[in-house]
C-alpha cells in the first residue's frame, strides 16, 4: 500500500473531509468529495481535484494512515 499525506477536517460527528493531499511529488487541493463507504480496508472517500481527476482516498482510523487509489482508466495505486 502506498501511503500519502492528507490534510483533513474531522467534525464533531466524526465525518472526515479531505482538504489537500500530497502524492508522487505533487500537492493536490480537493475541490469536492463524493461517495463514501466503509469496509475492512477503512473509510473510502472519492475526491475530485481541480483538473477534474478523481481519486479514492482510504483512511485507516486504527492506524491513522491514508492511502490512495486513482479512479478511472489509470492503474490503481493502493
N, C-alpha and C. Protein backbone atom coordinates (compact mmCIF):
# COMPACT_ATOMS: atom_id res chain seq x y z
N UNK A 1 0.84 -1.19 0.00
CA UNK A 1 0.00 0.00 0.00
C UNK A 1 0.88 1.24 0.00
N UNK A 2 0.55 2.20 -0.82
CA UNK A 2 1.34 3.43 -0.90
C UNK A 2 0.76 4.49 0.01
N UNK A 3 1.50 4.85 1.06
CA UNK A 3 0.99 5.89 1.97
C UNK A 3 1.07 7.27 1.33
N UNK A 4 0.16 8.15 1.73
CA UNK A 4 0.17 9.54 1.30
C UNK A 4 -0.09 10.42 2.51
N UNK A 5 0.19 11.69 2.35
CA UNK A 5 -0.11 12.67 3.39
C UNK A 5 -1.38 13.40 3.02
N UNK A 6 -2.30 13.52 3.99
CA UNK A 6 -3.58 14.17 3.75
C UNK A 6 -3.83 15.18 4.86
N UNK A 7 -4.29 16.37 4.49
CA UNK A 7 -4.81 17.33 5.45
C UNK A 7 -6.32 17.20 5.39
N UNK A 8 -6.93 16.92 6.54
CA UNK A 8 -8.37 16.68 6.55
C UNK A 8 -8.99 17.34 7.78
N UNK A 9 -10.27 17.59 7.67
CA UNK A 9 -11.05 18.13 8.79
C UNK A 9 -11.94 17.00 9.31
N UNK A 10 -11.98 16.86 10.63
CA UNK A 10 -12.84 15.90 11.30
C UNK A 10 -13.85 16.69 12.11
N UNK A 11 -15.14 16.55 11.81
CA UNK A 11 -16.13 17.32 12.56
C UNK A 11 -16.56 16.57 13.82
N UNK A 12 -17.45 17.18 14.59
CA UNK A 12 -17.88 16.63 15.88
C UNK A 12 -18.56 15.27 15.75
N UNK A 13 -19.17 14.99 14.59
CA UNK A 13 -19.84 13.71 14.37
C UNK A 13 -18.88 12.66 13.82
N UNK A 14 -17.63 13.04 13.60
CA UNK A 14 -16.64 12.11 13.09
C UNK A 14 -16.55 12.06 11.57
N UNK A 15 -17.25 12.95 10.88
CA UNK A 15 -17.19 12.99 9.42
C UNK A 15 -15.84 13.56 8.99
N UNK A 16 -15.20 12.86 8.06
CA UNK A 16 -13.88 13.25 7.56
C UNK A 16 -14.05 14.00 6.25
N UNK A 17 -13.41 15.18 6.14
CA UNK A 17 -13.41 15.94 4.90
C UNK A 17 -11.97 16.21 4.48
N UNK A 18 -11.46 15.47 3.48
CA UNK A 18 -10.10 15.74 2.99
C UNK A 18 -10.04 17.12 2.35
N UNK A 19 -8.97 17.87 2.62
CA UNK A 19 -8.79 19.21 2.07
C UNK A 19 -7.67 19.26 1.04
N UNK A 20 -6.56 18.60 1.32
CA UNK A 20 -5.38 18.56 0.45
C UNK A 20 -4.72 17.20 0.61
N UNK A 21 -3.98 16.78 -0.42
CA UNK A 21 -3.14 15.60 -0.25
C UNK A 21 -1.88 15.75 -1.09
N UNK A 22 -0.83 15.06 -0.67
CA UNK A 22 0.46 15.06 -1.35
C UNK A 22 0.71 13.65 -1.86
N UNK A 23 1.04 13.55 -3.16
CA UNK A 23 1.25 12.24 -3.78
C UNK A 23 2.17 12.38 -4.98
N UNK A 24 3.17 11.52 -5.07
CA UNK A 24 4.12 11.50 -6.19
C UNK A 24 4.72 12.87 -6.47
N UNK A 25 5.09 13.57 -5.41
CA UNK A 25 5.76 14.86 -5.54
C UNK A 25 4.85 16.03 -5.82
N UNK A 26 3.55 15.79 -5.94
CA UNK A 26 2.62 16.89 -6.20
C UNK A 26 1.69 17.12 -5.03
N UNK A 27 1.23 18.34 -4.91
CA UNK A 27 0.25 18.69 -3.88
C UNK A 27 -1.07 18.97 -4.58
N UNK A 28 -2.14 18.35 -4.10
CA UNK A 28 -3.45 18.45 -4.73
C UNK A 28 -4.47 19.00 -3.76
N UNK A 29 -5.20 20.01 -4.20
CA UNK A 29 -6.29 20.56 -3.40
C UNK A 29 -7.57 19.82 -3.79
N UNK A 30 -8.30 19.38 -2.79
CA UNK A 30 -9.57 18.68 -3.03
C UNK A 30 -10.64 19.72 -3.32
N UNK A 31 -11.23 19.64 -4.51
CA UNK A 31 -12.29 20.56 -4.91
C UNK A 31 -13.65 20.11 -4.39
N UNK A 32 -13.88 18.79 -4.39
CA UNK A 32 -15.16 18.27 -3.90
C UNK A 32 -15.00 16.82 -3.49
N UNK A 33 -15.91 16.37 -2.65
CA UNK A 33 -15.93 14.97 -2.23
C UNK A 33 -17.23 14.35 -2.73
N UNK A 34 -17.17 13.05 -2.92
CA UNK A 34 -18.34 12.33 -3.41
C UNK A 34 -18.68 11.16 -2.52
N UNK A 35 -18.91 10.04 -3.15
CA UNK A 35 -19.34 8.84 -2.44
C UNK A 35 -18.36 8.44 -1.35
N UNK A 36 -18.92 7.91 -0.26
CA UNK A 36 -18.13 7.43 0.88
C UNK A 36 -18.66 6.06 1.27
N UNK A 37 -17.75 5.21 1.71
CA UNK A 37 -18.17 3.91 2.25
C UNK A 37 -17.08 3.37 3.15
N UNK A 38 -17.45 2.42 3.97
CA UNK A 38 -16.51 1.79 4.88
C UNK A 38 -16.50 0.29 4.64
N UNK A 39 -15.31 -0.29 4.75
CA UNK A 39 -15.16 -1.74 4.71
C UNK A 39 -13.95 -2.10 5.56
N UNK A 40 -13.48 -3.34 5.44
CA UNK A 40 -12.37 -3.78 6.28
C UNK A 40 -11.08 -3.02 5.99
N UNK A 41 -10.96 -2.40 4.82
CA UNK A 41 -9.76 -1.63 4.47
C UNK A 41 -9.76 -0.25 5.11
N UNK A 42 -10.94 0.28 5.46
CA UNK A 42 -11.02 1.60 6.06
C UNK A 42 -12.18 2.41 5.51
N UNK A 43 -12.07 3.72 5.68
CA UNK A 43 -13.08 4.65 5.15
C UNK A 43 -12.61 5.14 3.79
N UNK A 44 -13.41 4.89 2.77
CA UNK A 44 -13.10 5.28 1.40
C UNK A 44 -13.86 6.56 1.07
N UNK A 45 -13.16 7.52 0.45
CA UNK A 45 -13.79 8.78 0.06
C UNK A 45 -13.33 9.12 -1.35
N UNK A 46 -14.29 9.30 -2.26
CA UNK A 46 -13.95 9.75 -3.61
C UNK A 46 -13.80 11.26 -3.58
N UNK A 47 -12.69 11.76 -4.16
CA UNK A 47 -12.43 13.19 -4.19
C UNK A 47 -12.10 13.62 -5.62
N UNK A 48 -12.45 14.86 -5.94
CA UNK A 48 -12.10 15.44 -7.24
C UNK A 48 -11.13 16.59 -7.01
N UNK A 49 -10.07 16.63 -7.84
CA UNK A 49 -9.11 17.73 -7.76
C UNK A 49 -9.41 18.73 -8.87
N UNK A 50 -8.67 19.83 -8.90
CA UNK A 50 -9.01 20.96 -9.77
C UNK A 50 -9.04 20.63 -11.26
N UNK A 51 -8.26 19.66 -11.71
CA UNK A 51 -8.27 19.34 -13.15
C UNK A 51 -9.31 18.29 -13.51
N UNK A 52 -10.17 17.96 -12.57
CA UNK A 52 -11.26 17.02 -12.83
C UNK A 52 -10.93 15.57 -12.57
N UNK A 53 -9.70 15.27 -12.22
CA UNK A 53 -9.35 13.88 -11.92
C UNK A 53 -9.97 13.46 -10.60
N UNK A 54 -10.34 12.18 -10.55
CA UNK A 54 -10.98 11.64 -9.35
C UNK A 54 -10.06 10.60 -8.74
N UNK A 55 -9.93 10.67 -7.42
CA UNK A 55 -9.11 9.73 -6.66
C UNK A 55 -9.95 9.13 -5.54
N UNK A 56 -9.54 7.95 -5.13
CA UNK A 56 -10.16 7.31 -3.97
C UNK A 56 -9.14 7.36 -2.85
N UNK A 57 -9.46 8.10 -1.79
CA UNK A 57 -8.61 8.16 -0.61
C UNK A 57 -9.16 7.19 0.41
N UNK A 58 -8.27 6.48 1.08
CA UNK A 58 -8.67 5.48 2.07
C UNK A 58 -8.00 5.81 3.39
N UNK A 59 -8.81 5.96 4.44
CA UNK A 59 -8.29 6.28 5.77
C UNK A 59 -8.47 5.07 6.67
N UNK A 60 -7.37 4.62 7.26
CA UNK A 60 -7.40 3.53 8.24
C UNK A 60 -7.32 4.17 9.62
N UNK A 61 -8.47 4.30 10.26
CA UNK A 61 -8.53 5.05 11.52
C UNK A 61 -7.71 4.40 12.62
N UNK A 62 -7.66 3.09 12.67
CA UNK A 62 -6.90 2.41 13.72
C UNK A 62 -5.42 2.69 13.65
N UNK A 63 -4.93 2.99 12.44
CA UNK A 63 -3.51 3.28 12.22
C UNK A 63 -3.25 4.76 12.00
N UNK A 64 -4.32 5.53 11.74
CA UNK A 64 -4.16 6.94 11.42
C UNK A 64 -3.43 7.16 10.11
N UNK A 65 -3.59 6.22 9.15
CA UNK A 65 -2.86 6.28 7.89
C UNK A 65 -3.82 6.43 6.71
N UNK A 66 -3.32 7.11 5.68
CA UNK A 66 -4.06 7.31 4.43
C UNK A 66 -3.35 6.59 3.30
N UNK A 67 -4.12 6.13 2.32
CA UNK A 67 -3.57 5.61 1.07
C UNK A 67 -4.44 6.13 -0.07
N UNK A 68 -4.01 5.87 -1.29
CA UNK A 68 -4.71 6.43 -2.45
C UNK A 68 -4.90 5.38 -3.53
N UNK A 69 -5.98 5.55 -4.26
CA UNK A 69 -6.25 4.76 -5.46
C UNK A 69 -6.80 5.71 -6.50
N UNK A 70 -6.21 5.72 -7.68
CA UNK A 70 -6.69 6.57 -8.78
C UNK A 70 -7.90 5.92 -9.39
N UNK A 71 -8.97 6.66 -9.58
CA UNK A 71 -10.17 6.13 -10.21
C UNK A 71 -10.08 6.32 -11.71
N UNK A 72 -10.88 5.61 -12.45
CA UNK A 72 -10.91 5.75 -13.90
C UNK A 72 -10.02 4.75 -14.59
N UNK A 73 -9.52 5.12 -15.76
CA UNK A 73 -8.79 4.17 -16.60
C UNK A 73 -7.34 3.97 -16.19
N UNK A 74 -6.79 4.84 -15.37
CA UNK A 74 -5.39 4.68 -14.95
C UNK A 74 -5.27 3.51 -13.99
N UNK A 75 -4.07 3.00 -13.88
CA UNK A 75 -3.82 1.89 -12.97
C UNK A 75 -3.98 2.38 -11.53
N UNK A 76 -4.61 1.56 -10.72
CA UNK A 76 -4.83 1.92 -9.31
C UNK A 76 -3.54 1.82 -8.52
N UNK A 77 -3.40 2.71 -7.57
CA UNK A 77 -2.29 2.66 -6.63
C UNK A 77 -2.88 2.49 -5.25
N UNK A 78 -2.52 1.41 -4.59
CA UNK A 78 -3.10 1.15 -3.26
C UNK A 78 -1.98 0.99 -2.27
